Amino acid sequence: MALPLFGNLLEFLYDFPFVVFQKMNQKYGEVIGFWFGSKYVIVVSDPKLGREMICNYNDNFLNKPESPTWKQISGGYRNLFFARDQDWYCIKKLTCNAFTKTKLKSQVPLIEQQSTKLINSFKSNSKNYEIFDPMEICYKYSTNIILQILVSKELSYEEDDNENEMKNISYYCDKEIYLNDSLILKKYI
């Protein structure tokens, strides 16, 4: 139940947001509209509908409401979920092309390889009776899949400190972005 001024915000006080969304999803379905304070929000939890929104009806969802918090989190509105204007079109094109069935099928061996490494890491830690953070290992798993796709690099599951490797990867990515940006600029000069 939405209240004036607060909307449905009070529902988020007692549970994690994902739990609230799961309950709303079970009660109302895969497309949910509610008041987040004074803003009306629509949440879509159906992957097929989400893809259709991004690929076919992107003009209707071009600019989300501005917020200082979201601006900070999204690096100045430059990520998949909060991109604005021309940034949105570039990201949309990239994601729609990257998530076709054939392209996703080509990543299955990579995902299987990383899954095996994830399982081996869990086994290694459990055999040694070591206390470990499973979230950190899962983070490395998802990061490695992304890094393998983007720059053919990965973090070690065994090392606690991958800081130097991440610096090398960041340097490599920055160098690639700089080269690509300068090539794009040369086209317009």
C-alpha atoms as a PDB file:
ATOM      1  CA  MET A   1       0.000   0.000   0.000  1.00  0.00           C
ATOM      2  CA  ALA A   2       1.442   3.359  -1.037  1.00  0.00           C
ATOM      3  CA  LEU A   3       1.259   6.320   1.333  1.00  0.00           C
ATOM      4  CA  PRO A   4       1.420  10.025   0.416  1.00  0.00           C
ATOM      5  CA  LEU A   5       5.006  11.363   0.468  1.00  0.00           C
ATOM      6  CA  PHE A   6       6.520   7.921   1.126  1.00  0.00           C
ATOM      7  CA  GLY A   7       4.898   5.844  -1.589  1.00  0.00           C
ATOM      8  CA  ASN A   8       6.009   2.225  -1.162  1.00  0.00           C
ATOM      9  CA  LEU A   9       9.327   3.144   0.506  1.00  0.00           C
ATOM     10  CA  LEU A  10       8.203   1.819   3.895  1.00  0.00           C
ATOM     11  CA  GLU A  11       8.064  -1.708   2.463  1.00  0.00           C
ATOM     12  CA  PHE A  12      11.839  -1.519   1.955  1.00  0.00           C
ATOM     13  CA  LEU A  13      12.581  -0.724   5.626  1.00  0.00           C
ATOM     14  CA  TYR A  14      12.220  -4.255   6.960  1.00  0.00           C
ATOM     15  CA  ASP A  15      13.598  -6.434   4.159  1.00  0.00           C
ATOM     16  CA  PHE A  16      16.375  -6.376   1.612  1.00  0.00           C
ATOM     17  CA  PRO A  17      15.245  -4.785  -1.672  1.00  0.00           C
ATOM     18  CA  PHE A  18      15.529  -8.072  -3.569  1.00  0.00           C
ATOM     19  CA  VAL A  19      13.213  -9.763  -1.045  1.00  0.00           C
ATOM     20  CA  VAL A  20      10.636  -6.969  -1.431  1.00  0.00           C
ATOM     21  CA  PHE A  21      10.851  -7.272  -5.221  1.00  0.00           C
ATOM     22  CA  GLN A  22      10.446 -11.068  -5.020  1.00  0.00           C
ATOM     23  CA  LYS A  23       7.325 -10.675  -2.885  1.00  0.00           C
ATOM     24  CA  MET A  24       5.922  -8.045  -5.262  1.00  0.00           C
ATOM     25  CA  ASN A  25       6.756 -10.293  -8.206  1.00  0.00           C
ATOM     26  CA  GLN A  26       4.845 -13.207  -6.675  1.00  0.00           C
ATOM     27  CA  LYS A  27       1.888 -10.999  -5.811  1.00  0.00           C
ATOM     28  CA  TYR A  28       1.639  -8.740  -8.895  1.00  0.00           C
ATOM     29  CA  GLY A  29       3.565 -10.489 -11.679  1.00  0.00           C
ATOM     30  CA  GLU A  30       6.681  -9.746 -13.710  1.00  0.00           C
ATOM     31  CA  VAL A  31       5.893  -6.076 -14.398  1.00  0.00           C
ATOM     32  CA  ILE A  32       5.434  -4.027 -11.237  1.00  0.00           C
ATOM     33  CA  GLY A  33       4.591  -0.348 -10.906  1.00  0.00           C
ATOM     34  CA  PHE A  34       4.914   1.390  -7.539  1.00  0.00           C
ATOM     35  CA  TRP A  35       5.669   4.752  -5.937  1.00  0.00           C
ATOM     36  CA  PHE A  36       9.267   5.168  -4.785  1.00  0.00           C
ATOM     37  CA  GLY A  37       8.709   8.308  -2.752  1.00  0.00           C
ATOM     38  CA  SER A  38       7.225  10.792  -5.194  1.00  0.00           C
ATOM     39  CA  LYS A  39       8.527   8.944  -8.279  1.00  0.00           C
ATOM     40  CA  TYR A  40       6.521   6.289 -10.064  1.00  0.00           C
ATOM     41  CA  VAL A  41       8.781   3.323 -10.845  1.00  0.00           C
ATOM     42  CA  ILE A  42       8.265   0.344 -13.124  1.00  0.00           C
ATOM     43  CA  VAL A  43      10.263  -2.828 -12.414  1.00  0.00           C
ATOM     44  CA  VAL A  44      10.476  -5.534 -15.071  1.00  0.00           C
ATOM     45  CA  SER A  45      11.695  -8.953 -13.929  1.00  0.00           C
ATOM     46  CA  ASP A  46      11.048 -10.904 -17.125  1.00  0.00           C
ATOM     47  CA  PRO A  47      14.323 -11.285 -19.113  1.00  0.00           C
ATOM     48  CA  LYS A  48      12.526 -11.592 -22.468  1.00  0.00           C
ATOM     49  CA  LEU A  49      10.508  -8.442 -21.848  1.00  0.00           C
ATOM     50  CA  GLY A  50      13.616  -6.644 -20.562  1.00  0.00           C
ATOM     51  CA  ARG A  51      15.511  -7.514 -23.737  1.00  0.00           C
ATOM     52  CA  GLU A  52      12.565  -6.397 -25.864  1.00  0.00           C
ATOM     53  CA  MET A  53      12.456  -3.079 -23.987  1.00  0.00           C
ATOM     54  CA  ILE A  54      16.169  -2.484 -24.514  1.00  0.00           C
ATOM     55  CA  CYS A  55      16.320  -3.630 -28.143  1.00  0.00           C
ATOM     56  CA  ASN A  56      12.949  -2.597 -29.614  1.00  0.00           C
ATOM     57  CA  TYR A  57      11.539   0.208 -27.458  1.00  0.00           C
ATOM     58  CA  ASN A  58      14.679   1.946 -26.266  1.00  0.00           C
ATOM     59  CA  ASP A  59      13.419   5.448 -27.104  1.00  0.00           C
ATOM     60  CA  ASN A  60      10.702   5.080 -24.457  1.00  0.00           C
ATOM     61  CA  PHE A  61      13.305   4.276 -21.791  1.00  0.00           C
ATOM     62  CA  LEU A  62      16.101   6.605 -22.866  1.00  0.00           C
ATOM     63  CA  ASN A  63      16.667   8.816 -19.818  1.00  0.00           C
ATOM     64  CA  LYS A  64      15.935   7.721 -16.291  1.00  0.00           C
ATOM     65  CA  PRO A  65      15.332  10.379 -13.611  1.00  0.00           C
ATOM     66  CA  GLU A  66      18.525  12.088 -12.465  1.00  0.00           C
ATOM     67  CA  SER A  67      19.779  11.529  -8.932  1.00  0.00           C
ATOM     68  CA  PRO A  68      23.089  12.526  -7.288  1.00  0.00           C
ATOM     69  CA  THR A  69      23.378   9.040  -5.777  1.00  0.00           C
ATOM     70  CA  TRP A  70      22.798   7.219  -9.066  1.00  0.00           C
ATOM     71  CA  LYS A  71      25.137   9.632 -10.829  1.00  0.00           C
ATOM     72  CA  GLN A  72      27.916   8.701  -8.405  1.00  0.00           C
ATOM     73  CA  ILE A  73      27.216   4.952  -8.566  1.00  0.00           C
ATOM     74  CA  SER A  74      26.978   4.866 -12.359  1.00  0.00           C
ATOM     75  CA  GLY A  75      30.120   6.888 -13.029  1.00  0.00           C
ATOM     76  CA  GLY A  76      28.221   9.891 -14.346  1.00  0.00           C
ATOM     77  CA  TYR A  77      25.344   7.937 -15.940  1.00  0.00           C
ATOM     78  CA  ARG A  78      27.666   5.926 -18.175  1.00  0.00           C
ATOM     79  CA  ASN A  79      26.742   2.316 -17.401  1.00  0.00           C
ATOM     80  CA  LEU A  80      24.165  -0.095 -18.817  1.00  0.00           C
ATOM     81  CA  PHE A  81      21.372   0.761 -16.404  1.00  0.00           C
ATOM     82  CA  PHE A  82      21.697   4.547 -16.155  1.00  0.00           C
ATOM     83  CA  ALA A  83      23.276   5.716 -19.412  1.00  0.00           C
ATOM     84  CA  ARG A  84      21.744   8.800 -20.964  1.00  0.00           C
ATOM     85  CA  ASP A  85      21.311  10.144 -24.493  1.00  0.00           C
ATOM     86  CA  GLN A  86      24.137   9.135 -26.875  1.00  0.00           C
ATOM     87  CA  ASP A  87      25.848   6.931 -24.258  1.00  0.00           C
ATOM     88  CA  TRP A  88      22.636   4.899 -24.036  1.00  0.00           C
ATOM     89  CA  TYR A  89      22.560   4.296 -27.800  1.00  0.00           C
ATOM     90  CA  CYS A  90      26.173   3.090 -27.805  1.00  0.00           C
ATOM     91  CA  ILE A  91      25.641   0.748 -24.849  1.00  0.00           C
ATOM     92  CA  LYS A  92      22.332  -0.494 -26.269  1.00  0.00           C
ATOM     93  CA  LYS A  93      23.971  -1.390 -29.567  1.00  0.00           C
ATOM     94  CA  LEU A  94      26.777  -3.200 -27.773  1.00  0.00           C
ATOM     95  CA  THR A  95      24.472  -5.192 -25.477  1.00  0.00           C
ATOM     96  CA  CYS A  96      21.941  -6.142 -28.136  1.00  0.00           C
ATOM     97  CA  ASN A  97      24.719  -7.448 -30.366  1.00  0.00           C
ATOM     98  CA  ALA A  98      26.508  -9.201 -27.500  1.00  0.00           C
ATOM     99  CA  PHE A  99      23.514 -11.127 -26.182  1.00  0.00           C
ATOM    100  CA  THR A 100      22.346 -12.996 -29.257  1.00  0.00           C
ATOM    101  CA  LYS A 101      21.861 -16.761 -28.870  1.00  0.00           C
ATOM    102  CA  THR A 102      24.854 -17.637 -31.032  1.00  0.00           C
ATOM    103  CA  LYS A 103      27.191 -15.270 -29.196  1.00  0.00           C
ATOM    104  CA  LEU A 104      26.058 -16.529 -25.801  1.00  0.00           C
ATOM    105  CA  LYS A 105      26.480 -20.149 -26.923  1.00  0.00           C
ATOM    106  CA  SER A 106      30.060 -19.388 -27.917  1.00  0.00           C
ATOM    107  CA  GLN A 107      30.791 -18.376 -24.287  1.00  0.00           C
ATOM    108  CA  VAL A 108      29.650 -21.699 -22.788  1.00  0.00           C
ATOM    109  CA  PRO A 109      33.181 -23.253 -22.762  1.00  0.00           C
ATOM    110  CA  LEU A 110      34.533 -20.173 -20.993  1.00  0.00           C
ATOM    111  CA  ILE A 111      31.778 -20.310 -18.369  1.00  0.00           C
ATOM    112  CA  GLU A 112      32.348 -24.058 -17.878  1.00  0.00           C
ATOM    113  CA  GLN A 113      36.092 -23.482 -17.465  1.00  0.00           C
ATOM    114  CA  GLN A 114      35.534 -20.764 -14.854  1.00  0.00           C
ATOM    115  CA  SER A 115      32.917 -22.941 -13.096  1.00  0.00           C
ATOM    116  CA  THR A 116      35.471 -25.750 -12.789  1.00  0.00           C
ATOM    117  CA  LYS A 117      38.011 -23.318 -11.321  1.00  0.00           C
ATOM    118  CA  LEU A 118      35.369 -22.017  -8.892  1.00  0.00           C
ATOM    119  CA  ILE A 119      34.539 -25.546  -7.699  1.00  0.00           C
ATOM    120  CA  ASN A 120      38.233 -26.449  -7.383  1.00  0.00           C
ATOM    121  CA  SER A 121      38.819 -23.339  -5.302  1.00  0.00           C
ATOM    122  CA  PHE A 122      35.976 -24.282  -2.957  1.00  0.00           C
ATOM    123  CA  LYS A 123      37.339 -27.847  -2.704  1.00  0.00           C
ATOM    124  CA  SER A 124      40.872 -26.629  -2.006  1.00  0.00           C
ATOM    125  CA  ASN A 125      39.719 -24.337   0.794  1.00  0.00           C
ATOM    126  CA  SER A 126      37.498 -27.001   2.355  1.00  0.00           C
ATOM    127  CA  LYS A 127      40.225 -29.710   2.259  1.00  0.00           C
ATOM    128  CA  ASN A 128      42.611 -27.408   4.098  1.00  0.00           C
ATOM    129  CA  TYR A 129      39.892 -26.489   6.611  1.00  0.00           C
ATOM    130  CA  GLU A 130      40.569 -22.840   5.877  1.00  0.00           C
ATOM    131  CA  ILE A 131      38.141 -20.081   6.665  1.00  0.00           C
ATOM    132  CA  PHE A 132      37.359 -18.270   3.448  1.00  0.00           C
ATOM    133  CA  ASP A 133      34.898 -15.780   2.068  1.00  0.00           C
ATOM    134  CA  PRO A 134      32.739 -17.518  -0.574  1.00  0.00           C
ATOM    135  CA  MET A 135      31.528 -14.146  -1.867  1.00  0.00           C
ATOM    136  CA  GLU A 136      35.094 -13.156  -2.747  1.00  0.00           C
ATOM    137  CA  ILE A 137      35.569 -16.350  -4.758  1.00  0.00           C
ATOM    138  CA  CYS A 138      32.198 -15.866  -6.482  1.00  0.00           C
ATOM    139  CA  TYR A 139      33.217 -12.283  -7.254  1.00  0.00           C
ATOM    140  CA  LYS A 140      36.408 -13.569  -8.897  1.00  0.00           C
ATOM    141  CA  TYR A 141      34.319 -16.079 -10.862  1.00  0.00           C
ATOM    142  CA  SER A 142      32.011 -13.444 -12.363  1.00  0.00           C
ATOM    143  CA  THR A 143      34.863 -10.964 -12.826  1.00  0.00           C
ATOM    144  CA  ASN A 144      36.934 -13.582 -14.641  1.00  0.00           C
ATOM    145  CA  ILE A 145      34.143 -14.353 -17.091  1.00  0.00           C
ATOM    146  CA  ILE A 146      33.811 -10.666 -17.915  1.00  0.00           C
ATOM    147  CA  LEU A 147      37.581 -10.129 -18.115  1.00  0.00           C
ATOM    148  CA  GLN A 148      38.044 -13.177 -20.352  1.00  0.00           C
ATOM    149  CA  ILE A 149      35.418 -11.872 -22.757  1.00  0.00           C
ATOM    150  CA  LEU A 150      36.740  -8.304 -22.752  1.00  0.00           C
ATOM    151  CA  VAL A 151      40.525  -8.583 -22.492  1.00  0.00           C
ATOM    152  CA  SER A 152      41.401 -12.328 -22.298  1.00  0.00           C
ATOM    153  CA  LYS A 153      42.754 -11.961 -18.747  1.00  0.00           C
ATOM    154  CA  GLU A 154      41.735 -13.455 -15.421  1.00  0.00           C
ATOM    155  CA  LEU A 155      42.359 -13.148 -11.691  1.00  0.00           C
ATOM    156  CA  SER A 156      43.812 -16.048  -9.732  1.00  0.00           C
ATOM    157  CA  TYR A 157      41.397 -17.900  -7.458  1.00  0.00           C
ATOM    158  CA  GLU A 158      44.245 -18.894  -5.143  1.00  0.00           C
ATOM    159  CA  GLU A 159      45.860 -15.527  -4.536  1.00  0.00           C
ATOM    160  CA  ASP A 160      44.323 -13.365  -1.857  1.00  0.00           C
ATOM    161  CA  ASP A 161      45.712 -10.209  -3.359  1.00  0.00           C
ATOM    162  CA  ASN A 162      45.130  -9.665  -7.055  1.00  0.00           C
ATOM    163  CA  GLU A 163      45.783  -5.945  -6.763  1.00  0.00           C
ATOM    164  CA  ASN A 164      48.801  -5.932  -9.109  1.00  0.00           C
ATOM    165  CA  GLU A 165      46.980  -8.018 -11.701  1.00  0.00           C
ATOM    166  CA  MET A 166      43.958  -5.693 -11.524  1.00  0.00           C
ATOM    167  CA  LYS A 167      46.266  -2.689 -11.963  1.00  0.00           C
ATOM    168  CA  ASN A 168      47.757  -4.345 -15.051  1.00  0.00           C
ATOM    169  CA  ILE A 169      44.295  -5.093 -16.440  1.00  0.00           C
ATOM    170  CA  SER A 170      43.126  -1.540 -15.664  1.00  0.00           C
ATOM    171  CA  TYR A 171      46.217  -0.139 -17.383  1.00  0.00           C
ATOM    172  CA  TYR A 172      45.584  -2.355 -20.415  1.00  0.00           C
ATOM    173  CA  CYS A 173      41.914  -1.297 -20.594  1.00  0.00           C
ATOM    174  CA  ASP A 174      42.790   2.395 -20.198  1.00  0.00           C
ATOM    175  CA  LYS A 175      45.373   2.072 -22.960  1.00  0.00           C
ATOM    176  CA  GLU A 176      42.824   0.405 -25.274  1.00  0.00           C
ATOM    177  CA  ILE A 177      40.193   3.036 -24.522  1.00  0.00           C
ATOM    178  CA  TYR A 178      42.704   5.828 -25.133  1.00  0.00           C
ATOM    179  CA  LEU A 179      43.750   4.298 -28.477  1.00  0.00           C
ATOM    180  CA  ASN A 180      40.155   3.751 -29.558  1.00  0.00           C
ATOM    181  CA  ASP A 181      39.096   7.249 -28.477  1.00  0.00           C
ATOM    182  CA  SER A 182      41.980   8.829 -30.368  1.00  0.00           C
ATOM    183  CA  LEU A 183      41.083   6.806 -33.484  1.00  0.00           C
ATOM    184  CA  ILE A 184      37.463   7.921 -33.210  1.00  0.00           C
ATOM    185  CA  LEU A 185      38.557  11.553 -32.798  1.00  0.00           C
ATOM    186  CA  LYS A 186      40.779  11.297 -35.887  1.00  0.00           C
ATOM    187  CA  LYS A 187      37.735  10.308 -37.950  1.00  0.00           C
ATOM    188  CA  TYR A 188      36.104  13.638 -37.153  1.00  0.00           C
ATOM    189  CA  ILE A 189      39.153  15.884 -37.532  1.00  0.00           C
END
